[in-house]
PDB file of N, CA and C in Angstrom:
ATOM      1  N   VAL A   1     104.120  78.514  86.829  1.00  0.00           N
ATOM      2  CA  VAL A   1     104.382  79.603  85.907  1.00  0.00           C
ATOM      3  C   VAL A   1     103.798  80.871  86.498  1.00  0.00           C
ATOM      4  N   SER A   2     104.585  81.977  86.447  1.00  0.00           N
ATOM      5  CA  SER A   2     104.136  83.245  87.012  1.00  0.00           C
ATOM      6  C   SER A   2     104.221  84.344  85.971  1.00  0.00           C
ATOM      7  N   ASP A   3     103.406  85.396  86.161  1.00  0.00           N
ATOM      8  CA  ASP A   3     103.540  86.557  85.287  1.00  0.00           C
ATOM      9  C   ASP A   3     104.702  87.409  85.783  1.00  0.00           C
ATOM     10  N   ARG A   4     104.918  88.565  85.168  1.00  0.00           N
ATOM     11  CA  ARG A   4     106.087  89.368  85.512  1.00  0.00           C
ATOM     12  C   ARG A   4     106.028  89.965  86.916  1.00  0.00           C
ATOM     13  N   HIS A   5     104.908  89.878  87.584  1.00  0.00           N
ATOM     14  CA  HIS A   5     104.776  90.389  88.942  1.00  0.00           C
ATOM     15  C   HIS A   5     104.848  89.275  89.981  1.00  0.00           C
ATOM     16  N   GLY A   6     105.105  88.058  89.522  1.00  0.00           N
ATOM     17  CA  GLY A   6     105.215  86.940  90.447  1.00  0.00           C
ATOM     18  C   GLY A   6     103.898  86.284  90.796  1.00  0.00           C
ATOM     19  N   PHE A   7     102.799  86.697  90.142  1.00  0.00           N
ATOM     20  CA  PHE A   7     101.509  86.094  90.404  1.00  0.00           C
ATOM     21  C   PHE A   7     101.376  84.834  89.562  1.00  0.00           C
ATOM     22  N   SER A   8     100.930  83.774  90.163  1.00  0.00           N
ATOM     23  CA  SER A   8     100.826  82.496  89.461  1.00  0.00           C
ATOM     24  C   SER A   8      99.774  82.564  88.364  1.00  0.00           C
ATOM     25  N   LEU A   9     100.119  81.997  87.218  1.00  0.00           N
ATOM     26  CA  LEU A   9      99.175  81.919  86.115  1.00  0.00           C
ATOM     27  C   LEU A   9      98.424  80.601  86.104  1.00  0.00           C
ATOM     28  N   CYS A  10      98.800  79.683  86.961  1.00  0.00           N
ATOM     29  CA  CYS A  10      98.153  78.382  87.055  1.00  0.00           C
ATOM     30  C   CYS A  10      96.923  78.518  87.950  1.00  0.00           C
ATOM     31  N   PRO A  11      95.703  78.232  87.443  1.00  0.00           N
ATOM     32  CA  PRO A  11      94.500  78.413  88.255  1.00  0.00           C
ATOM     33  C   PRO A  11      94.536  77.647  89.574  1.00  0.00           C
ATOM     34  N   ARG A  12      95.040  76.426  89.571  1.00  0.00           N
ATOM     35  CA  ARG A  12      95.083  75.640  90.807  1.00  0.00           C
ATOM     36  C   ARG A  12      96.016  76.295  91.827  1.00  0.00           C
ATOM     37  N   ALA A  13      97.179  76.759  91.371  1.00  0.00           N
ATOM     38  CA  ALA A  13      98.122  77.415  92.277  1.00  0.00           C
ATOM     39  C   ALA A  13      97.547  78.732  92.770  1.00  0.00           C
ATOM     40  N   ARG A  14      96.878  79.492  91.891  1.00  0.00           N
ATOM     41  CA  ARG A  14      96.297  80.774  92.309  1.00  0.00           C
ATOM     42  C   ARG A  14      95.301  80.577  93.437  1.00  0.00           C
ATOM     43  N   ALA A  15      94.497  79.534  93.356  1.00  0.00           N
ATOM     44  CA  ALA A  15      93.477  79.295  94.379  1.00  0.00           C
ATOM     45  C   ALA A  15      94.097  79.030  95.740  1.00  0.00           C
ATOM     46  N   ASN A  16      95.336  78.531  95.751  1.00  0.00           N
ATOM     47  CA  ASN A  16      95.997  78.211  97.012  1.00  0.00           C
ATOM     48  C   ASN A  16      96.964  79.278  97.491  1.00  0.00           C
ATOM     49  N   GLN A  17      97.099  80.390  96.753  1.00  0.00           N
ATOM     50  CA  GLN A  17      98.029  81.436  97.154  1.00  0.00           C
ATOM     51  C   GLN A  17      97.465  82.212  98.334  1.00  0.00           C
ATOM     52  N   ASP A  18      98.112  82.136  99.452  1.00  0.00           N
ATOM     53  CA  ASP A  18      97.735  82.903 100.631  1.00  0.00           C
ATOM     54  C   ASP A  18      98.688  84.079 100.716  1.00  0.00           C
ATOM     55  N   PRO A  19      98.300  85.189 101.289  1.00  0.00           N
ATOM     56  CA  PRO A  19      97.046  85.437 101.999  1.00  0.00           C
ATOM     57  C   PRO A  19      95.935  85.984 101.116  1.00  0.00           C
ATOM     58  N   ARG A  20      96.168  86.144  99.859  1.00  0.00           N
ATOM     59  CA  ARG A  20      95.188  86.802  98.988  1.00  0.00           C
ATOM     60  C   ARG A  20      93.818  86.145  99.030  1.00  0.00           C
ATOM     61  N   ARG A  21      93.740  84.868  98.771  1.00  0.00           N
ATOM     62  CA  ARG A  21      92.449  84.195  98.693  1.00  0.00           C
ATOM     63  C   ARG A  21      91.736  84.213 100.043  1.00  0.00           C
ATOM     64  N   ARG A  22      92.458  83.924 101.121  1.00  0.00           N
ATOM     65  CA  ARG A  22      91.830  83.894 102.446  1.00  0.00           C
ATOM     66  C   ARG A  22      91.323  85.271 102.855  1.00  0.00           C
ATOM     67  N   LEU A  23      92.092  86.317 102.578  1.00  0.00           N
ATOM     68  CA  LEU A  23      91.685  87.646 103.005  1.00  0.00           C
ATOM     69  C   LEU A  23      90.412  88.107 102.312  1.00  0.00           C
ATOM     70  N   SER A  24      90.333  87.869 101.016  1.00  0.00           N
ATOM     71  CA  SER A  24      89.205  88.433 100.291  1.00  0.00           C
ATOM     72  C   SER A  24      87.949  87.603 100.424  1.00  0.00           C
ATOM     73  N   ASP A  25      88.076  86.267 100.403  1.00  0.00           N
ATOM     74  CA  ASP A  25      86.898  85.405 100.353  1.00  0.00           C
ATOM     75  C   ASP A  25      85.919  85.947  99.317  1.00  0.00           C
ATOM     76  N   MET A  26      86.499  86.554  98.295  1.00  0.00           N
ATOM     77  CA  MET A  26      85.750  87.165  97.194  1.00  0.00           C
ATOM     78  C   MET A  26      84.752  88.221  97.671  1.00  0.00           C
ATOM     79  N   ALA A  27      85.102  88.942  98.708  1.00  0.00           N
ATOM     80  CA  ALA A  27      84.284  90.053  99.168  1.00  0.00           C
ATOM     81  C   ALA A  27      84.314  91.146  98.113  1.00  0.00           C
ATOM     82  N   ARG A  28      83.359  92.017  98.136  1.00  0.00           N
ATOM     83  CA  ARG A  28      83.307  93.157  97.224  1.00  0.00           C
ATOM     84  C   ARG A  28      83.566  94.401  98.060  1.00  0.00           C
ATOM     85  N   PHE A  29      84.716  95.026  97.839  1.00  0.00           N
ATOM     86  CA  PHE A  29      85.093  96.206  98.610  1.00  0.00           C
ATOM     87  C   PHE A  29      84.678  97.466  97.867  1.00  0.00           C
ATOM     88  N   THR A  30      83.977  98.350  98.580  1.00  0.00           N
ATOM     89  CA  THR A  30      83.536  99.603  97.982  1.00  0.00           C
ATOM     90  C   THR A  30      84.210 100.808  98.623  1.00  0.00           C
ATOM     91  N   ASP A  31      84.949 100.594  99.704  1.00  0.00           N
ATOM     92  CA  ASP A  31      85.687 101.700 100.299  1.00  0.00           C
ATOM     93  C   ASP A  31      86.979 101.197 100.944  1.00  0.00           C
ATOM     94  N   GLU A  32      87.934 102.111 101.066  1.00  0.00           N
ATOM     95  CA  GLU A  32      89.244 101.730 101.579  1.00  0.00           C
ATOM     96  C   GLU A  32      89.217 101.301 103.040  1.00  0.00           C
ATOM     97  N   THR A  33      88.292 101.829 103.810  1.00  0.00           N
ATOM     98  CA  THR A  33      88.215 101.455 105.220  1.00  0.00           C
ATOM     99  C   THR A  33      87.924  99.964 105.356  1.00  0.00           C
ATOM    100  N   ALA A  34      86.940  99.475 104.627  1.00  0.00           N
ATOM    101  CA  ALA A  34      86.604  98.049 104.679  1.00  0.00           C
ATOM    102  C   ALA A  34      87.773  97.202 104.178  1.00  0.00           C
ATOM    103  N   ALA A  35      88.426  97.655 103.115  1.00  0.00           N
ATOM    104  CA  ALA A  35      89.574  96.917 102.588  1.00  0.00           C
ATOM    105  C   ALA A  35      90.703  96.875 103.615  1.00  0.00           C
ATOM    106  N   ARG A  36      90.957  97.998 104.270  1.00  0.00           N
ATOM    107  CA  ARG A  36      92.001  98.071 105.298  1.00  0.00           C
ATOM    108  C   ARG A  36      91.682  97.134 106.459  1.00  0.00           C
ATOM    109  N   GLU A  37      90.419  97.098 106.865  1.00  0.00           N
ATOM    110  CA  GLU A  37      90.009  96.209 107.958  1.00  0.00           C
ATOM    111  C   GLU A  37      90.196  94.736 107.574  1.00  0.00           C
ATOM    112  N   ALA A  38      90.128  94.440 106.275  1.00  0.00           N
ATOM    113  CA  ALA A  38      90.316  93.064 105.802  1.00  0.00           C
ATOM    114  C   ALA A  38      91.791  92.749 105.544  1.00  0.00           C
ATOM    115  N   GLY A  39      92.669  93.718 105.790  1.00  0.00           N
ATOM    116  CA  GLY A  39      94.106  93.466 105.650  1.00  0.00           C
ATOM    117  C   GLY A  39      94.756  94.012 104.400  1.00  0.00           C
ATOM    118  N   TYR A  40      94.024  94.787 103.608  1.00  0.00           N
ATOM    119  CA  TYR A  40      94.580  95.387 102.396  1.00  0.00           C
ATOM    120  C   TYR A  40      95.018  96.814 102.680  1.00  0.00           C
ATOM    121  N   LEU A  41      96.132  97.207 102.093  1.00  0.00           N
ATOM    122  CA  LEU A  41      96.675  98.549 102.296  1.00  0.00           C
ATOM    123  C   LEU A  41      97.174  99.087 100.967  1.00  0.00           C
ATOM    124  N   ILE A  42      96.892 100.361 100.703  1.00  0.00           N
ATOM    125  CA  ILE A  42      97.385 101.024  99.496  1.00  0.00           C
ATOM    126  C   ILE A  42      98.397 102.070  99.918  1.00  0.00           C
ATOM    127  N   THR A  43      99.582 102.010  99.335  1.00  0.00           N
ATOM    128  CA  THR A  43     100.639 102.975  99.640  1.00  0.00           C
ATOM    129  C   THR A  43     101.211 103.539  98.345  1.00  0.00           C
ATOM    130  N   HIS A  44     101.821 104.709  98.480  1.00  0.00           N
ATOM    131  CA  HIS A  44     102.454 105.369  97.337  1.00  0.00           C
ATOM    132  C   HIS A  44     103.962 105.177  97.438  1.00  0.00           C
ATOM    133  N   GLU A  45     104.564 104.759  96.360  1.00  0.00           N
ATOM    134  CA  GLU A  45     106.015 104.632  96.270  1.00  0.00           C
ATOM    135  C   GLU A  45     106.496 105.579  95.166  1.00  0.00           C
ATOM    136  N   PRO A  46     106.661 106.869  95.505  1.00  0.00           N
ATOM    137  CA  PRO A  46     107.014 107.849  94.463  1.00  0.00           C
ATOM    138  C   PRO A  46     108.344 107.549  93.770  1.00  0.00           C
ATOM    139  N   GLU A  47     109.275 106.947  94.494  1.00  0.00           N
ATOM    140  CA  GLU A  47     110.572 106.633  93.888  1.00  0.00           C
ATOM    141  C   GLU A  47     110.439 105.578  92.786  1.00  0.00           C
ATOM    142  N   ARG A  48     109.364 104.797  92.826  1.00  0.00           N
ATOM    143  CA  ARG A  48     109.115 103.785  91.790  1.00  0.00           C
ATOM    144  C   ARG A  48     107.922 104.167  90.913  1.00  0.00           C
ATOM    145  N   GLN A  49     107.396 105.367  91.114  1.00  0.00           N
ATOM    146  CA  GLN A  49     106.282 105.924  90.346  1.00  0.00           C
ATOM    147  C   GLN A  49     105.091 104.968  90.308  1.00  0.00           C
ATOM    148  N   ARG A  50     104.643 104.583  91.506  1.00  0.00           N
ATOM    149  CA  ARG A  50     103.516 103.658  91.554  1.00  0.00           C
ATOM    150  C   ARG A  50     102.807 103.718  92.897  1.00  0.00           C
ATOM    151  N   PHE A  51     101.561 103.267  92.869  1.00  0.00           N
ATOM    152  CA  PHE A  51     100.768 103.032  94.067  1.00  0.00           C
ATOM    153  C   PHE A  51     100.659 101.518  94.182  1.00  0.00           C
ATOM    154  N   VAL A  52     100.834 100.991  95.395  1.00  0.00           N
ATOM    155  CA  VAL A  52     100.907  99.550  95.596  1.00  0.00           C
ATOM    156  C   VAL A  52      99.791  99.081  96.522  1.00  0.00           C
ATOM    157  N   LEU A  53      99.178  97.981  96.164  1.00  0.00           N
ATOM    158  CA  LEU A  53      98.180  97.310  96.990  1.00  0.00           C
ATOM    159  C   LEU A  53      98.851  96.100  97.619  1.00  0.00           C
ATOM    160  N   THR A  54      98.795  96.012  98.946  1.00  0.00           N
ATOM    161  CA  THR A  54      99.367  94.856  99.639  1.00  0.00           C
ATOM    162  C   THR A  54      98.300  94.178 100.486  1.00  0.00           C
ATOM    163  N   ALA A  55      98.521  92.877 100.716  1.00  0.00           N
ATOM    164  CA  ALA A  55      97.681  92.070 101.600  1.00  0.00           C
ATOM    165  C   ALA A  55      98.624  91.477 102.632  1.00  0.00           C
ATOM    166  N   GLN A  56      98.520  91.952 103.853  1.00  0.00           N
ATOM    167  CA  GLN A  56      99.398  91.495 104.940  1.00  0.00           C
ATOM    168  C   GLN A  56     100.870  91.575 104.532  1.00  0.00           C
ATOM    169  N   GLY A  57     101.239  92.678 103.880  1.00  0.00           N
ATOM    170  CA  GLY A  57     102.624  92.916 103.491  1.00  0.00           C
ATOM    171  C   GLY A  57     103.044  92.280 102.180  1.00  0.00           C
ATOM    172  N   VAL A  58     102.173  91.496 101.552  1.00  0.00           N
ATOM    173  CA  VAL A  58     102.478  90.857 100.276  1.00  0.00           C
ATOM    174  C   VAL A  58     101.888  91.717  99.155  1.00  0.00           C
ATOM    175  N   GLU A  59     102.711  92.093  98.187  1.00  0.00           N
ATOM    176  CA  GLU A  59     102.226  92.901  97.075  1.00  0.00           C
ATOM    177  C   GLU A  59     101.256  92.103  96.221  1.00  0.00           C
ATOM    178  N   VAL A  60     100.067  92.692  96.016  1.00  0.00           N
ATOM    179  CA  VAL A  60      99.048  92.023  95.203  1.00  0.00           C
ATOM    180  C   VAL A  60      98.571  92.894  94.049  1.00  0.00           C
ATOM    181  N   GLY A  61      99.104  94.105  93.931  1.00  0.00           N
ATOM    182  CA  GLY A  61      98.706  94.960  92.821  1.00  0.00           C
ATOM    183  C   GLY A  61      99.472  96.256  92.791  1.00  0.00           C
ATOM    184  N   GLU A  62      99.405  96.922  91.631  1.00  0.00           N
ATOM    185  CA  GLU A  62     100.038  98.227  91.493  1.00  0.00           C
ATOM    186  C   GLU A  62      99.344  99.041  90.419  1.00  0.00           C
ATOM    187  N   ALA A  63      99.411 100.352  90.573  1.00  0.00           N
ATOM    188  CA  ALA A  63      99.002 101.314  89.549  1.00  0.00           C
ATOM    189  C   ALA A  63     100.236 102.170  89.288  1.00  0.00           C
ATOM    190  N   HIS A  64     100.798 102.035  88.104  1.00  0.00           N
ATOM    191  CA  HIS A  64     102.033 102.729  87.746  1.00  0.00           C
ATOM    192  C   HIS A  64     101.718 103.990  86.953  1.00  0.00           C
ATOM    193  N   TYR A  65     102.535 105.014  87.130  1.00  0.00           N
ATOM    194  CA  TYR A  65     102.363 106.254  86.383  1.00  0.00           C
ATOM    195  C   TYR A  65     103.722 106.750  85.888  1.00  0.00           C
ATOM    196  N   SER A  66     103.677 107.613  84.881  1.00  0.00           N
ATOM    197  CA  SER A  66     104.873 108.268  84.359  1.00  0.00           C
ATOM    198  C   SER A  66     104.602 109.764  84.327  1.00  0.00           C
ATOM    199  N   PRO A  67     105.602 110.577  84.674  1.00  0.00           N
ATOM    200  CA  PRO A  67     105.409 112.033  84.602  1.00  0.00           C
ATOM    201  C   PRO A  67     105.323 112.501  83.151  1.00  0.00           C
ATOM    202  N   LEU A  68     104.530 113.528  82.928  1.00  0.00           N
ATOM    203  CA  LEU A  68     104.387 114.124  81.603  1.00  0.00           C
ATOM    204  C   LEU A  68     105.136 115.455  81.565  1.00  0.00           C
ATOM    205  N   ALA A  69     105.536 115.883  80.398  1.00  0.00           N
ATOM    206  CA  ALA A  69     106.226 117.163  80.234  1.00  0.00           C
ATOM    207  C   ALA A  69     105.355 118.326  80.708  1.00  0.00           C
ATOM    208  N   SER A  70     104.039 118.144  80.651  1.00  0.00           N
ATOM    209  CA  SER A  70     103.100 119.191  81.063  1.00  0.00           C
ATOM    210  C   SER A  70     103.027 119.355  82.577  1.00  0.00           C
ATOM    211  N   GLY A  71     103.713 118.460  83.307  1.00  0.00           N
ATOM    212  CA  GLY A  71     103.627 118.498  84.767  1.00  0.00           C
ATOM    213  C   GLY A  71     102.579 117.540  85.311  1.00  0.00           C
ATOM    214  N   GLY A  72     101.870 116.890  84.427  1.00  0.00           N
ATOM    215  CA  GLY A  72     100.851 115.932  84.832  1.00  0.00           C
ATOM    216  C   GLY A  72     101.391 114.518  84.858  1.00  0.00           C
ATOM    217  N   PHE A  73     100.475 113.574  84.767  1.00  0.00           N
ATOM    218  CA  PHE A  73     100.844 112.167  84.899  1.00  0.00           C
ATOM    219  C   PHE A  73     100.065 111.305  83.923  1.00  0.00           C
ATOM    220  N   ASP A  74     100.737 110.273  83.434  1.00  0.00           N
ATOM    221  CA  ASP A  74     100.094 109.256  82.607  1.00  0.00           C
ATOM    222  C   ASP A  74     100.033 107.974  83.425  1.00  0.00           C
ATOM    223  N   PHE A  75      98.834 107.524  83.740  1.00  0.00           N
ATOM    224  CA  PHE A  75      98.678 106.233  84.414  1.00  0.00           C
ATOM    225  C   PHE A  75      98.709 105.185  83.317  1.00  0.00           C
ATOM    226  N   ASP A  76      99.847 104.466  83.249  1.00  0.00           N
ATOM    227  CA  ASP A  76     100.130 103.617  82.106  1.00  0.00           C
ATOM    228  C   ASP A  76     100.001 102.119  82.358  1.00  0.00           C
ATOM    229  N   HIS A  77      99.786 101.721  83.603  1.00  0.00           N
ATOM    230  CA  HIS A  77      99.716 100.283  83.865  1.00  0.00           C
ATOM    231  C   HIS A  77      99.061 100.037  85.224  1.00  0.00           C
ATOM    232  N   THR A  78      98.093  99.154  85.239  1.00  0.00           N
ATOM    233  CA  THR A  78      97.460  98.733  86.492  1.00  0.00           C
ATOM    234  C   THR A  78      97.351  97.214  86.457  1.00  0.00           C
ATOM    235  N   VAL A  79      97.722  96.572  87.556  1.00  0.00           N
ATOM    236  CA  VAL A  79      97.604  95.120  87.646  1.00  0.00           C
ATOM    237  C   VAL A  79      97.227  94.754  89.079  1.00  0.00           C
ATOM    238  N   VAL A  80      96.326  93.797  89.203  1.00  0.00           N
ATOM    239  CA  VAL A  80      95.952  93.230  90.506  1.00  0.00           C
ATOM    240  C   VAL A  80      95.945  91.721  90.329  1.00  0.00           C
ATOM    241  N   ASP A  81      96.390  91.016  91.340  1.00  0.00           N
ATOM    242  CA  ASP A  81      96.436  89.559  91.277  1.00  0.00           C
ATOM    243  C   ASP A  81      95.110  89.026  90.726  1.00  0.00           C
ATOM    244  N   PRO A  82      95.171  88.142  89.745  1.00  0.00           N
ATOM    245  CA  PRO A  82      93.944  87.602  89.141  1.00  0.00           C
ATOM    246  C   PRO A  82      92.988  86.969  90.148  1.00  0.00           C
ATOM    247  N   SER A  83      93.498  86.448  91.247  1.00  0.00           N
ATOM    248  CA  SER A  83      92.607  85.831  92.237  1.00  0.00           C
ATOM    249  C   SER A  83      91.729  86.866  92.927  1.00  0.00           C
ATOM    250  N   LEU A  84      92.034  88.152  92.750  1.00  0.00           N
ATOM    251  CA  LEU A  84      91.264  89.207  93.394  1.00  0.00           C
ATOM    252  C   LEU A  84      90.311  89.910  92.431  1.00  0.00           C
ATOM    253  N   ARG A  85      90.190  89.395  91.223  1.00  0.00           N
ATOM    254  CA  ARG A  85      89.255  89.988  90.265  1.00  0.00           C
ATOM    255  C   ARG A  85      87.837  89.908  90.802  1.00  0.00           C
ATOM    256  N   GLY A  86      87.117  90.987  90.600  1.00  0.00           N
ATOM    257  CA  GLY A  86      85.729  91.034  91.052  1.00  0.00           C
ATOM    258  C   GLY A  86      85.556  91.504  92.484  1.00  0.00           C
ATOM    259  N   THR A  87      86.654  91.831  93.161  1.00  0.00           N
ATOM    260  CA  THR A  87      86.557  92.259  94.563  1.00  0.00           C
ATOM    261  C   THR A  87      86.442  93.773  94.718  1.00  0.00           C
ATOM    262  N   GLY A  88      86.681  94.516  93.645  1.00  0.00           N
ATOM    263  CA  GLY A  88      86.645  95.973  93.728  1.00  0.00           C
ATOM    264  C   GLY A  88      87.969  96.585  94.158  1.00  0.00           C
ATOM    265  N   LEU A  89      88.975  95.752  94.429  1.00  0.00           N
ATOM    266  CA  LEU A  89      90.258  96.269  94.911  1.00  0.00           C
ATOM    267  C   LEU A  89      91.011  97.053  93.844  1.00  0.00           C
ATOM    268  N   ALA A  90      90.908  96.651  92.580  1.00  0.00           N
ATOM    269  CA  ALA A  90      91.566  97.403  91.511  1.00  0.00           C
ATOM    270  C   ALA A  90      90.970  98.806  91.421  1.00  0.00           C
ATOM    271  N   ALA A  91      89.653  98.900  91.528  1.00  0.00           N
ATOM    272  CA  ALA A  91      88.996 100.211  91.489  1.00  0.00           C
ATOM    273  C   ALA A  91      89.424 101.062  92.677  1.00  0.00           C
ATOM    274  N   LEU A  92      89.524 100.458  93.861  1.00  0.00           N
ATOM    275  CA  LEU A  92      89.987 101.214  95.035  1.00  0.00           C
ATOM    276  C   LEU A  92      91.414 101.707  94.845  1.00  0.00           C
ATOM    277  N   LEU A  93      92.258 100.870  94.266  1.00  0.00           N
ATOM    278  CA  LEU A  93      93.646 101.249  94.008  1.00  0.00           C
ATOM    279  C   LEU A  93      93.698 102.459  93.079  1.00  0.00           C
ATOM    280  N   VAL A  94      92.945 102.418  91.996  1.00  0.00           N
ATOM    281  CA  VAL A  94      92.939 103.520  91.040  1.00  0.00           C
ATOM    282  C   VAL A  94      92.323 104.775  91.658  1.00  0.00           C
ATOM    283  N   ARG A  95      91.224 104.618  92.377  1.00  0.00           N
ATOM    284  CA  ARG A  95      90.615 105.781  93.048  1.00  0.00           C
ATOM    285  C   ARG A  95      91.611 106.437  94.005  1.00  0.00           C
ATOM    286  N   HIS A  96      92.324 105.629  94.762  1.00  0.00           N
ATOM    287  CA  HIS A  96      93.326 106.150  95.706  1.00  0.00           C
ATOM    288  C   HIS A  96      94.403 106.929  94.948  1.00  0.00           C
ATOM    289  N   ALA A  97      94.906 106.342  93.873  1.00  0.00           N
ATOM    290  CA  ALA A  97      95.956 106.991  93.092  1.00  0.00           C
ATOM    291  C   ALA A  97      95.473 108.321  92.515  1.00  0.00           C
ATOM    292  N   LEU A  98      94.265 108.334  91.960  1.00  0.00           N
ATOM    293  CA  LEU A  98      93.751 109.548  91.341  1.00  0.00           C
ATOM    294  C   LEU A  98      93.361 110.616  92.362  1.00  0.00           C
ATOM    295  N   ALA A  99      93.145 110.212  93.604  1.00  0.00           N
ATOM    296  CA  ALA A  99      92.793 111.161  94.659  1.00  0.00           C
ATOM    297  C   ALA A  99      94.021 111.711  95.384  1.00  0.00           C
ATOM    298  N   ASP A 100      95.192 111.163  95.102  1.00  0.00           N
ATOM    299  CA  ASP A 100      96.406 111.597  95.782  1.00  0.00           C
ATOM    300  C   ASP A 100      96.671 113.071  95.498  1.00  0.00           C
ATOM    301  N   GLU A 101      97.163 113.791  96.508  1.00  0.00           N
ATOM    302  CA  GLU A 101      97.413 115.228  96.349  1.00  0.00           C
ATOM    303  C   GLU A 101      98.440 115.516  95.263  1.00  0.00           C
ATOM    304  N   MET A 102      99.322 114.582  94.981  1.00  0.00           N
ATOM    305  CA  MET A 102     100.311 114.751  93.925  1.00  0.00           C
ATOM    306  C   MET A 102      99.618 114.926  92.563  1.00  0.00           C
ATOM    307  N   VAL A 103      98.498 114.267  92.376  1.00  0.00           N
ATOM    308  CA  VAL A 103      97.781 114.257  91.106  1.00  0.00           C
ATOM    309  C   VAL A 103      96.787 115.415  91.007  1.00  0.00           C
ATOM    310  N   HIS A 104      96.275 115.854  92.131  1.00  0.00           N
ATOM    311  CA  HIS A 104      95.187 116.838  92.172  1.00  0.00           C
ATOM    312  C   HIS A 104      95.521 118.098  91.372  1.00  0.00           C
ATOM    313  N   GLY A 105      94.634 118.436  90.436  1.00  0.00           N
ATOM    314  CA  GLY A 105      94.779 119.643  89.648  1.00  0.00           C
ATOM    315  C   GLY A 105      95.781 119.553  88.507  1.00  0.00           C
ATOM    316  N   LYS A 106      96.368 118.398  88.299  1.00  0.00           N
ATOM    317  CA  LYS A 106      97.371 118.231  87.242  1.00  0.00           C
ATOM    318  C   LYS A 106      96.726 117.557  86.025  1.00  0.00           C
ATOM    319  N   PRO A 107      97.290 117.801  84.844  1.00  0.00           N
ATOM    320  CA  PRO A 107      96.784 117.109  83.654  1.00  0.00           C
ATOM    321  C   PRO A 107      96.992 115.594  83.791  1.00  0.00           C
ATOM    322  N   LEU A 108      95.974 114.848  83.413  1.00  0.00           N
ATOM    323  CA  LEU A 108      96.049 113.390  83.488  1.00  0.00           C
ATOM    324  C   LEU A 108      95.883 112.773  82.118  1.00  0.00           C
ATOM    325  N   GLN A 109      96.590 111.692  81.942  1.00  0.00           N
ATOM    326  CA  GLN A 109      96.460 110.850  80.761  1.00  0.00           C
ATOM    327  C   GLN A 109      96.287 109.434  81.288  1.00  0.00           C
ATOM    328  N   ALA A 110      95.599 108.617  80.538  1.00  0.00           N
ATOM    329  CA  ALA A 110      95.407 107.233  80.967  1.00  0.00           C
ATOM    330  C   ALA A 110      95.658 106.308  79.777  1.00  0.00           C
ATOM    331  N   SER A 111      96.894 105.866  79.634  1.00  0.00           N
ATOM    332  CA  SER A 111      97.170 104.892  78.578  1.00  0.00           C
ATOM    333  C   SER A 111      96.841 103.482  79.054  1.00  0.00           C
ATOM    334  N   CYS A 112      96.535 103.324  80.340  1.00  0.00           N
ATOM    335  CA  CYS A 112      96.045 102.056  80.886  1.00  0.00           C
ATOM    336  C   CYS A 112      94.532 102.001  80.654  1.00  0.00           C
ATOM    337  N   TRP A 113      94.072 100.914  80.045  1.00  0.00           N
ATOM    338  CA  TRP A 113      92.650 100.795  79.735  1.00  0.00           C
ATOM    339  C   TRP A 113      91.771 100.830  80.974  1.00  0.00           C
ATOM    340  N   PHE A 114      92.259 100.281  82.087  1.00  0.00           N
ATOM    341  CA  PHE A 114      91.441 100.240  83.298  1.00  0.00           C
ATOM    342  C   PHE A 114      91.258 101.646  83.868  1.00  0.00           C
ATOM    343  N   VAL A 115      92.339 102.405  83.933  1.00  0.00           N
ATOM    344  CA  VAL A 115      92.260 103.784  84.434  1.00  0.00           C
ATOM    345  C   VAL A 115      91.404 104.620  83.485  1.00  0.00           C
ATOM    346  N   ALA A 116      91.583 104.443  82.185  1.00  0.00           N
ATOM    347  CA  ALA A 116      90.776 105.179  81.211  1.00  0.00           C
ATOM    348  C   ALA A 116      89.286 104.901  81.419  1.00  0.00           C
ATOM    349  N   GLY A 117      88.942 103.644  81.657  1.00  0.00           N
ATOM    350  CA  GLY A 117      87.550 103.275  81.912  1.00  0.00           C
ATOM    351  C   GLY A 117      87.010 103.902  83.186  1.00  0.00           C
ATOM    352  N   MET A 118      87.843 103.931  84.222  1.00  0.00           N
ATOM    353  CA  MET A 118      87.417 104.556  85.484  1.00  0.00           C
ATOM    354  C   MET A 118      87.162 106.053  85.278  1.00  0.00           C
ATOM    355  N   LEU A 119      88.046 106.723  84.541  1.00  0.00           N
ATOM    356  CA  LEU A 119      87.876 108.159  84.295  1.00  0.00           C
ATOM    357  C   LEU A 119      86.657 108.430  83.418  1.00  0.00           C
ATOM    358  N   GLU A 120      86.373 107.530  82.494  1.00  0.00           N
ATOM    359  CA  GLU A 120      85.204 107.696  81.641  1.00  0.00           C
ATOM    360  C   GLU A 120      83.923 107.550  82.459  1.00  0.00           C
ATOM    361  N   LYS A 121      83.885 106.554  83.333  1.00  0.00           N
ATOM    362  CA  LYS A 121      82.692 106.317  84.162  1.00  0.00           C
ATOM    363  C   LYS A 121      82.568 107.332  85.293  1.00  0.00           C
ATOM    364  N   HIS A 122      83.710 107.839  85.766  1.00  0.00           N
ATOM    365  CA  HIS A 122      83.728 108.743  86.916  1.00  0.00           C
ATOM    366  C   HIS A 122      84.604 109.958  86.604  1.00  0.00           C
ATOM    367  N   PRO A 123      84.132 110.891  85.774  1.00  0.00           N
ATOM    368  CA  PRO A 123      84.959 112.036  85.388  1.00  0.00           C
ATOM    369  C   PRO A 123      85.398 112.890  86.582  1.00  0.00           C
ATOM    370  N   GLU A 124      84.683 112.781  87.676  1.00  0.00           N
ATOM    371  CA  GLU A 124      85.053 113.532  88.874  1.00  0.00           C
ATOM    372  C   GLU A 124      86.399 113.095  89.435  1.00  0.00           C
ATOM    373  N   LEU A 125      86.874 111.914  89.035  1.00  0.00           N
ATOM    374  CA  LEU A 125      88.165 111.417  89.492  1.00  0.00           C
ATOM    375  C   LEU A 125      89.339 112.090  88.779  1.00  0.00           C
ATOM    376  N   ALA A 126      89.046 112.861  87.742  1.00  0.00           N
ATOM    377  CA  ALA A 126      90.123 113.479  86.957  1.00  0.00           C
ATOM    378  C   ALA A 126      90.951 114.463  87.783  1.00  0.00           C
ATOM    379  N   GLY A 127      90.421 114.937  88.909  1.00  0.00           N
ATOM    380  CA  GLY A 127      91.218 115.767  89.824  1.00  0.00           C
ATOM    381  C   GLY A 127      91.608 117.123  89.273  1.00  0.00           C
ATOM    382  N   THR A 128      90.834 117.652  88.351  1.00  0.00           N
ATOM    383  CA  THR A 128      91.185 118.955  87.777  1.00  0.00           C
ATOM    384  C   THR A 128      90.577 120.112  88.532  1.00  0.00           C
ATOM    385  N   ALA A 129      89.839 119.832  89.578  1.00  0.00           N
ATOM    386  CA  ALA A 129      89.177 120.896  90.352  1.00  0.00           C
ATOM    387  C   ALA A 129      90.169 121.634  91.231  1.00  0.00           C
TER     388      ALA A 129
END
């Protein structure tokens, strides 16, 4: 059984899903350089209004946004493969998205609870400077 992103909901199957489990070994990533060296990459797909986290070319997460009438953006959905919880990759994905030049200086909304929490803990990420 999989969720809508194709990630297995079965704990036994999740533990065996490669390359996600092998790449992370449950490491804690605090910067994109270390994540990149471990095989993770964050890219922007503006045509699909999202930032994507991949592991060796396999999609393992996304941060989706919608444009606002004000010219800003609403980050409305963030998901990372459950096997990567606790690795810091979701936070890196959101930090990358909020630091993108497209977002800088624009009004932001966060209907996604994870993005809202990141902005609450780190108001400097709001990009209004």
